[in-house]
Amino acid sequence: MNQNQAPLYEALVEHIKNNPTSFHVPGHKNGHVFDEAAQNFRQILPYDLTELPDLDDLHQPDGVIKRAEQLAADLYQTDYTFFLVNGTTVGNLAMILSVCGPGDQIIVQRNSHKSIFNALELAGGKPIVVAPSYDNRTQRYSHLESAYIEQAIEEYPEAKAIVLSYPDYFGTTYDITSIMEVAHRHQVPVLVDEAHGAHFPLSHQFPMSAIEAGADIVVHSAHKTLPAMTMGSFLHIKNRHVSYETVKYFLQVLQSSSPSYPIMASLDLARKFAAHLNEEKVQAIIKDIDKMRVALNEVPSINVIPVKEGIDDPLKITITSDVMDITQLEAALHRLYVYPEMVQNNQLLLVAGLQPQANSMDWIQLKDLEFNLKEPIKHGTIMEQPNVQAFDKSYVELRDLKSKWVSWDKALGEISAHPVIPYPPGIPVLLKGELIQPYHVDAIQKTLSKGQYIQYPGDRLFRGIEILTE
């Protein structure tokens, strides 16, 4: 296919050229009805259109949206690719609802995004959680072993699917090919939240993509590393283990019936950009980012974690320190109007762009700064979790239970009524329906002591937690 085309974006441009008069939604009328003080924002409004003739329908495409999705499928070498306007979250919801019903067992990676567990709750499934091993190199739970997946399949042979998160938020991967071989040998489909790996299939200089490894469904957050607008994502199908029609059905159930044309057009353009990202350009990008790593390593008291080829995403820079609280570096960057992605477990993450020289080094003036080395270091918590663990009850059974608040000293061994989710990255430290263990309490209290934001209903988490009772 001709990857120089951007059929949806080009259709929008052609529509605007005709200076159309709007007697349809949205109410800004091609930008003519809008706050006069917001002229800069107003420029995008002519592209914010609806399902007009020649602009197609996301939920039943047969024109320019269909051609745009086919171009994406051609680039990623998939059977089908869907445009998503509600982020990877809606892709995760749809792929899990497509294979999971009330009471069904699903094998799921323990450190998955909250949207994965939300999907299991909506489906009424029963999670079989598989915990990755702690990696001393990354100081994170970043190594998922195929032996644990095989153990889970053998102990729970009725499992309908395996759900993986690959790579982790910091860009670290694991041997996903071995997991695919194990799963498909047992005829179990593999669904992958590859939110941070939309660029992986574009070059051999990136880690292997879950698509290439043989995943059945892969969801990509195009907006995380490709030049797409926020909430623009792809859902790819490449297999014989899942139903295209079922996935399509749940996407139209879950997504807005008034999808954003600017987001869809940005996906079309991001795919076009990605199609022209050859190995020479990727090499120049990585060389540019490596210069940043060298410069950052000159800053006293901090360390840039080396990138392991084929395992770590070279677009991501992880900075840590053995002698200081890394939030001091975060604060110094903020004073320079430089904004990292996040800080977690005394690691600061920078996400670089897919363009040489896009990652300006002008702001690296930190080597002249002095940091307070007497502050306590905010280390992460090592949680000794079981390799494979099933919930006592499915999410359907949890719906019949009542909730009540108890103090922490009475919470051990009880069923958590709500997930406890440090944000970012949005990975639950305690899941709804999970039995509360001492390591959960320790991790939650340490997170609270750091002042990190936690998504949780109510404001009493310092003193106790909501539990479920018969």
Protein backbone atom coordinates (compact mmCIF):
# COMPACT_ATOMS: atom_id res chain seq x y z
CA MET A 1 0.00 0.00 0.00
CA ASN A 2 1.04 3.60 -0.54
CA GLN A 3 2.25 4.76 2.88
CA ASN A 4 2.65 8.33 1.56
CA GLN A 5 -1.11 8.76 1.82
CA ALA A 6 -3.08 10.03 4.80
CA PRO A 7 -6.64 9.46 3.52
CA LEU A 8 -8.58 10.65 6.56
CA TYR A 9 -6.49 13.76 7.10
CA GLU A 10 -6.61 14.57 3.37
CA ALA A 11 -10.41 14.22 3.36
CA LEU A 12 -10.68 16.69 6.24
CA VAL A 13 -8.45 19.20 4.42
CA GLU A 14 -10.53 18.85 1.25
CA HIS A 15 -13.73 19.40 3.22
CA ILE A 16 -12.36 22.59 4.82
CA LYS A 17 -11.24 23.95 1.42
CA ASN A 18 -14.89 24.18 0.38
CA ASN A 19 -15.60 26.71 3.16
CA PRO A 20 -18.60 24.65 4.36
CA THR A 21 -21.58 25.97 6.28
CA SER A 22 -22.43 23.88 9.35
CA PHE A 23 -25.98 23.02 10.31
CA HIS A 24 -24.72 19.95 12.17
CA VAL A 25 -22.89 19.22 15.42
CA PRO A 26 -20.53 20.23 17.02
CA GLY A 27 -21.81 23.53 18.30
CA HIS A 28 -18.69 25.60 17.58
CA LYS A 29 -19.73 25.58 13.88
CA ASN A 30 -16.29 25.04 12.36
CA GLY A 31 -14.82 27.43 14.92
CA HIS A 32 -17.10 30.39 14.16
CA VAL A 33 -18.85 30.17 17.51
CA PHE A 34 -16.06 30.35 20.06
CA ASP A 35 -14.40 32.47 22.73
CA GLU A 36 -12.80 35.40 20.93
CA ALA A 37 -9.83 35.35 23.32
CA ALA A 38 -8.87 31.79 22.34
CA GLN A 39 -7.75 32.38 18.76
CA ASN A 40 -4.84 29.92 18.89
CA PHE A 41 -7.04 27.06 20.03
CA ARG A 42 -9.63 28.04 17.43
CA GLN A 43 -7.33 26.98 14.59
CA ILE A 44 -7.98 23.29 15.10
CA LEU A 45 -11.77 23.56 15.28
CA PRO A 46 -12.48 23.34 11.50
CA TYR A 47 -11.03 19.80 11.70
CA ASP A 48 -13.36 18.88 14.58
CA LEU A 49 -16.11 17.43 12.45
CA THR A 50 -18.67 14.64 12.53
CA GLU A 51 -19.84 11.75 10.30
CA LEU A 52 -20.48 13.79 7.14
CA PRO A 53 -20.53 12.44 3.57
CA ASP A 54 -16.97 11.47 2.53
CA LEU A 55 -15.74 11.54 6.17
CA ASP A 56 -16.82 7.99 7.03
CA ASP A 57 -17.93 6.43 10.35
CA LEU A 58 -15.41 5.01 12.87
CA HIS A 59 -17.87 2.33 14.02
CA GLN A 60 -18.79 1.08 10.52
CA PRO A 61 -16.03 2.36 8.24
CA ASP A 62 -16.18 1.87 4.49
CA GLY A 63 -14.38 4.98 3.23
CA VAL A 64 -11.45 7.13 4.33
CA ILE A 65 -11.34 5.77 7.91
CA LYS A 66 -11.31 2.22 6.60
CA ARG A 67 -8.46 3.06 4.23
CA ALA A 68 -6.55 4.78 7.04
CA GLU A 69 -6.94 1.71 9.26
CA GLN A 70 -5.87 -0.57 6.40
CA LEU A 71 -2.70 1.50 5.95
CA ALA A 72 -1.96 1.08 9.66
CA ALA A 73 -2.56 -2.68 9.42
CA ASP A 74 -0.23 -2.81 6.42
CA LEU A 75 2.51 -0.93 8.31
CA TYR A 76 2.22 -3.09 11.41
CA GLN A 77 1.69 -6.32 9.42
CA THR A 78 -1.53 -7.25 11.19
CA ASP A 79 -4.82 -8.76 10.04
CA TYR A 80 -6.83 -5.79 11.31
CA THR A 81 -6.03 -2.49 12.99
CA PHE A 82 -8.64 -0.31 14.69
CA PHE A 83 -8.29 3.39 15.46
CA LEU A 84 -9.09 4.17 19.11
CA VAL A 85 -10.15 7.61 20.32
CA ASN A 86 -10.54 6.70 24.01
CA GLY A 87 -6.93 5.68 24.54
CA THR A 88 -5.38 2.31 25.18
CA THR A 89 -7.76 2.03 28.13
CA VAL A 90 -10.68 1.32 25.79
CA GLY A 91 -8.56 -1.13 23.81
CA ASN A 92 -7.75 -3.04 26.99
CA LEU A 93 -11.41 -3.08 27.97
CA ALA A 94 -12.54 -4.30 24.56
CA MET A 95 -9.95 -7.04 24.13
CA ILE A 96 -10.67 -8.54 27.56
CA LEU A 97 -14.46 -8.31 27.26
CA SER A 98 -14.09 -10.10 23.90
CA VAL A 99 -12.71 -13.24 25.55
CA CYS A 100 -13.97 -13.11 29.15
CA GLY A 101 -17.43 -13.62 30.63
CA PRO A 102 -18.82 -13.92 34.17
CA GLY A 103 -16.75 -16.34 36.25
CA ASP A 104 -14.16 -16.97 33.53
CA GLN A 105 -10.56 -17.37 34.64
CA ILE A 106 -8.02 -15.04 33.05
CA ILE A 107 -4.26 -15.25 33.61
CA VAL A 108 -2.99 -11.71 34.05
CA GLN A 109 0.37 -10.11 34.73
CA ARG A 110 0.30 -8.71 38.27
CA ASN A 111 1.84 -5.31 37.47
CA SER A 112 -0.66 -4.43 34.76
CA HIS A 113 -2.39 -1.09 34.30
CA LYS A 114 -5.60 -0.47 36.22
CA SER A 115 -7.62 -0.60 32.97
CA ILE A 116 -6.80 -4.32 32.67
CA PHE A 117 -8.30 -5.08 36.07
CA ASN A 118 -11.21 -2.72 35.42
CA ALA A 119 -11.96 -4.76 32.31
CA LEU A 120 -11.89 -8.00 34.30
CA GLU A 121 -14.26 -6.47 36.81
CA LEU A 122 -16.67 -5.34 34.08
CA ALA A 123 -16.55 -8.85 32.58
CA GLY A 124 -17.03 -10.51 35.97
CA GLY A 125 -13.92 -12.61 35.48
CA LYS A 126 -11.65 -14.28 38.01
CA PRO A 127 -8.02 -13.12 37.81
CA ILE A 128 -5.15 -15.57 38.09
CA VAL A 129 -2.29 -13.17 38.76
CA VAL A 130 1.29 -13.98 37.77
CA ALA A 131 3.94 -11.82 39.40
CA PRO A 132 7.15 -10.84 37.58
CA SER A 133 10.45 -11.38 39.36
CA TYR A 134 12.41 -8.54 40.93
CA ASP A 135 15.28 -7.46 38.68
CA ASN A 136 18.28 -6.10 40.58
CA ARG A 137 19.50 -4.35 37.42
CA THR A 138 16.38 -2.24 36.98
CA GLN A 139 15.36 -2.33 40.67
CA ARG A 140 11.84 -3.09 39.49
CA TYR A 141 9.57 -6.10 38.96
CA SER A 142 10.40 -6.26 35.28
CA HIS A 143 11.19 -9.93 34.52
CA LEU A 144 8.20 -12.16 33.72
CA GLU A 145 9.21 -15.80 33.34
CA SER A 146 7.52 -18.21 30.94
CA ALA A 147 7.76 -20.93 33.61
CA TYR A 148 5.31 -18.99 35.77
CA ILE A 149 2.89 -18.67 32.85
CA GLU A 150 3.11 -22.39 32.19
CA GLN A 151 2.52 -23.08 35.88
CA ALA A 152 -0.59 -20.90 35.77
CA ILE A 153 -1.93 -22.69 32.67
CA GLU A 154 -1.34 -26.11 34.21
CA GLU A 155 -2.97 -25.16 37.52
CA TYR A 156 -5.89 -23.35 35.82
CA PRO A 157 -6.45 -25.14 32.49
CA GLU A 158 -9.85 -23.48 32.02
CA ALA A 159 -8.25 -20.03 31.66
CA LYS A 160 -9.69 -18.20 28.64
CA ALA A 161 -6.68 -15.97 27.89
CA ILE A 162 -3.37 -14.56 29.09
CA VAL A 163 -3.04 -10.79 29.49
CA LEU A 164 0.44 -9.27 29.46
CA SER A 165 1.87 -5.78 29.91
CA TYR A 166 4.93 -5.27 27.75
CA PRO A 167 7.15 -3.27 28.11
CA ASP A 168 6.89 -1.78 31.59
CA TYR A 169 6.44 1.98 32.04
CA PHE A 170 10.21 2.49 31.96
CA GLY A 171 10.55 0.61 28.66
CA THR A 172 12.02 -2.66 29.95
CA THR A 173 10.93 -5.89 28.23
CA TYR A 174 11.25 -9.62 28.91
CA ASP A 175 11.35 -12.83 26.85
CA ILE A 176 7.84 -12.57 25.44
CA THR A 177 8.51 -15.08 22.65
CA SER A 178 8.85 -17.95 25.13
CA ILE A 179 5.55 -16.97 26.74
CA MET A 180 3.83 -16.95 23.33
CA GLU A 181 5.16 -20.44 22.61
CA VAL A 182 3.87 -21.75 25.92
CA ALA A 183 0.46 -20.13 25.55
CA HIS A 184 -0.17 -21.16 21.97
CA ARG A 185 1.00 -24.69 22.65
CA HIS A 186 -1.94 -24.83 25.06
CA GLN A 187 -4.24 -23.02 22.58
CA VAL A 188 -4.61 -20.02 24.92
CA PRO A 189 -4.83 -16.57 23.25
CA VAL A 190 -2.42 -13.86 24.39
CA LEU A 191 -3.60 -10.25 24.73
CA VAL A 192 -0.91 -7.60 25.17
CA ASP A 193 -1.08 -4.08 26.53
CA GLU A 194 1.93 -2.73 24.61
CA ALA A 195 1.00 0.87 25.36
CA HIS A 196 4.60 2.07 25.46
CA GLY A 197 5.78 0.12 22.40
CA ALA A 198 3.96 1.58 19.39
CA HIS A 199 7.41 2.24 17.85
CA PHE A 200 8.83 -1.24 18.52
CA PRO A 201 7.76 -2.77 15.15
CA LEU A 202 9.36 0.11 13.23
CA SER A 203 13.01 -0.80 13.74
CA HIS A 204 15.23 -3.67 14.85
CA GLN A 205 17.03 -1.15 17.06
CA PHE A 206 14.03 -1.28 19.40
CA PRO A 207 13.03 -4.33 21.48
CA MET A 208 10.90 -6.99 19.79
CA SER A 209 7.25 -6.10 19.42
CA ALA A 210 4.53 -8.33 20.82
CA ILE A 211 3.09 -8.38 17.28
CA GLU A 212 6.23 -9.95 15.88
CA ALA A 213 6.38 -12.35 18.84
CA GLY A 214 2.94 -13.72 17.89
CA ALA A 215 0.42 -11.99 20.17
CA ASP A 216 -3.24 -12.35 19.24
CA ILE A 217 -4.28 -8.81 20.18
CA VAL A 218 -1.93 -5.88 20.82
CA VAL A 219 -2.97 -2.39 21.94
CA HIS A 220 -0.63 0.54 21.27
CA SER A 221 -0.76 4.02 22.79
CA ALA A 222 0.25 5.83 19.63
CA HIS A 223 0.23 9.10 21.56
CA LYS A 224 2.96 7.97 23.96
CA THR A 225 5.85 7.72 21.49
CA LEU A 226 4.41 8.44 18.03
CA PRO A 227 3.31 11.97 17.06
CA ALA A 228 -0.39 11.38 17.73
CA MET A 229 -2.78 13.35 19.91
CA THR A 230 -3.53 12.27 23.46
CA MET A 231 -6.04 9.37 23.56
CA GLY A 232 -5.04 8.23 20.07
CA SER A 233 -4.31 4.49 20.11
CA PHE A 234 -4.32 1.40 17.89
CA LEU A 235 -5.78 -2.05 18.52
CA HIS A 236 -4.22 -4.77 16.34
CA ILE A 237 -5.52 -8.28 15.68
CA LYS A 238 -3.23 -10.94 14.22
CA ASN A 239 -4.31 -14.49 14.92
CA ARG A 240 -6.97 -17.16 14.71
CA HIS A 241 -7.74 -17.27 18.45
CA VAL A 242 -9.98 -14.17 18.79
CA SER A 243 -13.01 -12.88 16.94
CA TYR A 244 -12.70 -9.70 14.87
CA GLU A 245 -16.47 -9.22 14.98
CA THR A 246 -16.57 -9.49 18.79
CA VAL A 247 -13.75 -7.00 19.27
CA LYS A 248 -15.41 -4.60 16.82
CA TYR A 249 -18.70 -4.93 18.70
CA PHE A 250 -17.20 -4.08 22.06
CA LEU A 251 -15.26 -1.13 20.64
CA GLN A 252 -18.49 0.47 19.39
CA VAL A 253 -20.13 -0.27 22.76
CA LEU A 254 -17.32 1.29 24.77
CA GLN A 255 -16.16 4.19 22.60
CA SER A 256 -17.89 7.48 22.09
CA SER A 257 -20.57 7.52 19.42
CA SER A 258 -19.17 10.95 18.49
CA PRO A 259 -15.49 10.13 17.95
CA SER A 260 -12.92 12.90 17.66
CA TYR A 261 -11.85 13.54 14.08
CA PRO A 262 -8.72 15.46 15.15
CA ILE A 263 -7.58 12.42 17.17
CA MET A 264 -8.33 10.05 14.28
CA ALA A 265 -6.57 12.34 11.80
CA SER A 266 -3.55 12.49 14.10
CA LEU A 267 -3.45 8.67 14.09
CA ASP A 268 -3.51 8.72 10.30
CA LEU A 269 -0.62 11.22 10.23
CA ALA A 270 1.31 9.41 12.98
CA ARG A 271 1.13 6.21 10.92
CA LYS A 272 2.43 8.12 7.88
CA PHE A 273 5.28 9.53 9.96
CA ALA A 274 6.11 6.09 11.33
CA ALA A 275 6.12 4.54 7.86
CA HIS A 276 9.00 6.83 6.87
CA LEU A 277 11.06 6.17 9.98
CA ASN A 278 13.90 4.19 8.40
CA GLU A 279 16.86 2.58 10.19
CA GLU A 280 19.13 5.54 9.44
CA LYS A 281 16.71 7.97 11.09
CA VAL A 282 16.29 5.68 14.10
CA GLN A 283 20.05 5.44 14.48
CA ALA A 284 20.30 9.25 14.46
CA ILE A 285 17.55 9.50 17.09
CA ILE A 286 19.26 7.01 19.39
CA LYS A 287 22.62 8.75 18.93
CA ASP A 288 20.98 12.03 19.90
CA ILE A 289 19.47 10.49 23.03
CA ASP A 290 22.76 8.83 23.96
CA LYS A 291 24.36 12.29 24.00
CA MET A 292 21.76 13.26 26.60
CA ARG A 293 22.66 10.22 28.69
CA VAL A 294 26.33 11.17 28.65
CA ALA A 295 25.54 14.76 29.64
CA LEU A 296 23.21 13.67 32.45
CA ASN A 297 25.82 11.28 33.80
CA GLU A 298 28.09 14.28 34.36
CA VAL A 299 25.64 15.63 36.92
CA PRO A 300 27.01 14.88 40.42
CA SER A 301 25.12 12.42 42.62
CA ILE A 302 22.91 10.91 39.93
CA ASN A 303 23.22 7.83 37.71
CA VAL A 304 21.68 7.09 34.34
CA ILE A 305 20.70 3.41 34.19
CA PRO A 306 22.43 1.89 31.12
CA VAL A 307 20.27 0.65 28.28
CA LYS A 308 20.49 -3.09 27.66
CA GLU A 309 20.25 -3.67 23.91
CA GLY A 310 17.19 -5.62 22.86
CA ILE A 311 15.72 -5.41 26.36
CA ASP A 312 15.36 -1.70 27.16
CA ASP A 313 13.68 0.96 25.04
CA PRO A 314 16.43 3.41 23.93
CA LEU A 315 13.85 6.24 23.78
CA LYS A 316 13.59 6.22 27.57
CA ILE A 317 16.12 7.60 30.02
CA THR A 318 15.92 6.40 33.63
CA ILE A 319 17.83 8.36 36.25
CA THR A 320 18.37 7.29 39.85
CA SER A 321 20.64 8.05 42.80
CA ASP A 322 22.13 6.14 45.70
CA VAL A 323 22.76 9.24 47.78
CA MET A 324 19.80 11.54 47.38
CA ASP A 325 16.07 11.79 46.89
CA ILE A 326 15.61 11.98 43.11
CA THR A 327 12.67 14.33 43.52
CA GLN A 328 15.33 17.01 44.06
CA LEU A 329 16.36 16.51 40.43
CA GLU A 330 12.72 16.61 39.38
CA ALA A 331 12.29 19.95 41.17
CA ALA A 332 15.47 21.32 39.54
CA LEU A 333 14.16 20.33 36.11
CA HIS A 334 10.81 21.97 36.81
CA ARG A 335 12.62 25.21 37.65
CA LEU A 336 14.12 25.01 34.15
CA TYR A 337 10.61 24.36 32.70
CA VAL A 338 11.64 20.80 31.83
CA TYR A 339 9.01 18.22 32.74
CA PRO A 340 9.87 14.53 33.18
CA GLU A 341 7.24 11.83 32.74
CA MET A 342 7.27 10.66 36.35
CA VAL A 343 9.21 9.68 39.46
CA GLN A 344 8.71 6.27 41.07
CA ASN A 345 10.83 4.30 43.54
CA ASN A 346 13.56 6.94 43.40
CA GLN A 347 13.76 6.64 39.62
CA LEU A 348 13.04 9.58 37.31
CA LEU A 349 11.84 8.85 33.78
CA LEU A 350 12.44 10.97 30.68
CA VAL A 351 10.61 9.98 27.48
CA ALA A 352 12.45 11.23 24.40
CA GLY A 353 10.94 12.00 21.02
CA LEU A 354 11.20 10.24 17.65
CA GLN A 355 13.14 12.97 15.91
CA PRO A 356 16.87 13.85 15.90
CA GLN A 357 17.50 17.11 17.73
CA ALA A 358 13.92 17.08 19.03
CA ASN A 359 15.40 16.40 22.46
CA SER A 360 17.15 19.70 23.08
CA MET A 361 20.15 19.59 25.41
CA ASP A 362 20.11 23.34 26.11
CA TRP A 363 18.53 22.75 29.52
CA ILE A 364 21.28 20.47 30.84
CA GLN A 365 22.81 22.98 33.24
CA LEU A 366 22.46 20.70 36.25
CA LYS A 367 26.13 19.89 36.81
CA ASP A 368 26.52 23.28 38.48
CA LEU A 369 23.69 22.61 40.94
CA GLU A 370 24.18 21.35 44.46
CA PHE A 371 21.78 18.81 45.90
CA ASN A 372 21.03 18.02 49.51
CA LEU A 373 22.58 14.61 50.11
CA LYS A 374 21.33 14.36 53.69
CA GLU A 375 17.69 13.77 52.81
CA PRO A 376 16.50 10.17 53.18
CA ILE A 377 16.36 8.21 49.94
CA LYS A 378 12.87 7.09 48.93
CA HIS A 379 13.54 3.48 48.04
CA GLY A 380 10.95 1.20 46.49
CA THR A 381 9.37 -1.66 48.40
CA ILE A 382 10.22 -5.27 47.56
CA MET A 383 7.00 -7.25 47.79
CA GLU A 384 7.49 -11.01 48.17
CA GLN A 385 4.43 -12.03 46.18
CA PRO A 386 3.52 -15.58 45.12
CA ASN A 387 4.51 -16.39 41.55
CA VAL A 388 0.97 -17.55 40.71
CA GLN A 389 -2.08 -16.67 42.76
CA ALA A 390 -5.82 -16.89 42.14
CA PHE A 391 -8.42 -14.61 43.67
CA ASP A 392 -10.69 -16.41 46.13
CA LYS A 393 -13.75 -14.99 44.38
CA SER A 394 -14.59 -13.81 40.88
CA TYR A 395 -15.62 -10.22 40.33
CA VAL A 396 -19.20 -11.46 39.90
CA GLU A 397 -19.13 -12.98 43.39
CA LEU A 398 -17.62 -9.80 44.83
CA ARG A 399 -20.70 -7.86 43.72
CA ASP A 400 -22.80 -9.63 46.39
CA LEU A 401 -20.53 -8.58 49.27
CA LYS A 402 -20.91 -5.55 51.52
CA SER A 403 -18.10 -3.12 52.29
CA LYS A 404 -16.96 -1.55 55.52
CA TRP A 405 -14.01 0.50 56.72
CA VAL A 406 -11.49 -1.03 59.15
CA SER A 407 -8.24 0.20 60.63
CA TRP A 408 -5.02 -1.23 59.20
CA ASP A 409 -4.45 -3.52 62.19
CA LYS A 410 -7.72 -5.31 61.37
CA ALA A 411 -7.28 -5.41 57.58
CA LEU A 412 -4.82 -8.29 57.21
CA GLY A 413 -6.35 -11.33 55.52
CA GLU A 414 -9.49 -9.43 54.51
CA ILE A 415 -10.70 -8.77 50.96
CA SER A 416 -9.91 -5.33 49.58
CA ALA A 417 -13.04 -3.46 48.49
CA HIS A 418 -11.21 -1.08 46.16
CA PRO A 419 -7.90 -1.01 44.30
CA VAL A 420 -5.12 1.19 45.69
CA ILE A 421 -3.45 2.84 42.70
CA PRO A 422 -0.37 5.08 42.88
CA TYR A 423 -0.59 7.47 39.93
CA PRO A 424 1.39 7.64 37.80
CA PRO A 425 1.92 4.94 36.60
CA GLY A 426 -1.60 3.62 37.36
CA ILE A 427 -0.49 0.13 38.41
CA PRO A 428 -2.41 -1.07 41.49
CA VAL A 429 -0.33 -1.94 44.55
CA LEU A 430 -3.45 -3.66 45.92
CA LEU A 431 -6.25 -5.02 43.74
CA LYS A 432 -9.95 -5.09 44.39
CA GLY A 433 -10.78 -8.61 45.56
CA GLU A 434 -7.22 -9.33 46.67
CA LEU A 435 -6.50 -10.61 50.19
CA ILE A 436 -4.64 -7.89 52.08
CA GLN A 437 -1.15 -9.03 53.09
CA PRO A 438 1.52 -7.34 55.26
CA TYR A 439 3.55 -6.41 52.17
CA HIS A 440 0.52 -4.56 50.75
CA VAL A 441 0.15 -2.52 53.93
CA ASP A 442 3.87 -1.76 54.02
CA ALA A 443 3.91 -0.66 50.37
CA ILE A 444 0.82 1.54 50.77
CA GLN A 445 2.08 3.23 53.91
CA LYS A 446 5.47 3.92 52.33
CA THR A 447 3.77 5.39 49.27
CA LEU A 448 1.64 7.62 51.48
CA SER A 449 4.68 8.74 53.46
CA LYS A 450 6.33 9.92 50.24
CA GLY A 451 3.37 12.15 49.46
CA GLN A 452 2.76 10.33 46.16
CA TYR A 453 -0.73 10.72 44.73
CA ILE A 454 -2.93 7.64 45.15
CA GLN A 455 -6.21 7.02 43.38
CA TYR A 456 -8.62 5.71 46.02
CA PRO A 457 -12.18 6.66 47.01
CA GLY A 458 -12.31 8.60 50.25
CA ASP A 459 -9.53 10.15 52.28
CA ARG A 460 -9.05 7.70 55.17
CA LEU A 461 -6.33 5.54 53.64
CA PHE A 462 -3.80 6.81 56.17
CA ARG A 463 -5.69 5.11 59.01
CA GLY A 464 -7.35 2.14 57.33
CA ILE A 465 -9.08 0.68 54.29
CA GLU A 466 -12.44 -0.52 52.95
CA ILE A 467 -12.89 -4.31 53.01
CA LEU A 468 -15.59 -6.64 51.69
CA THR A 469 -17.61 -8.89 54.01
CA GLU A 470 -20.33 -11.52 53.57
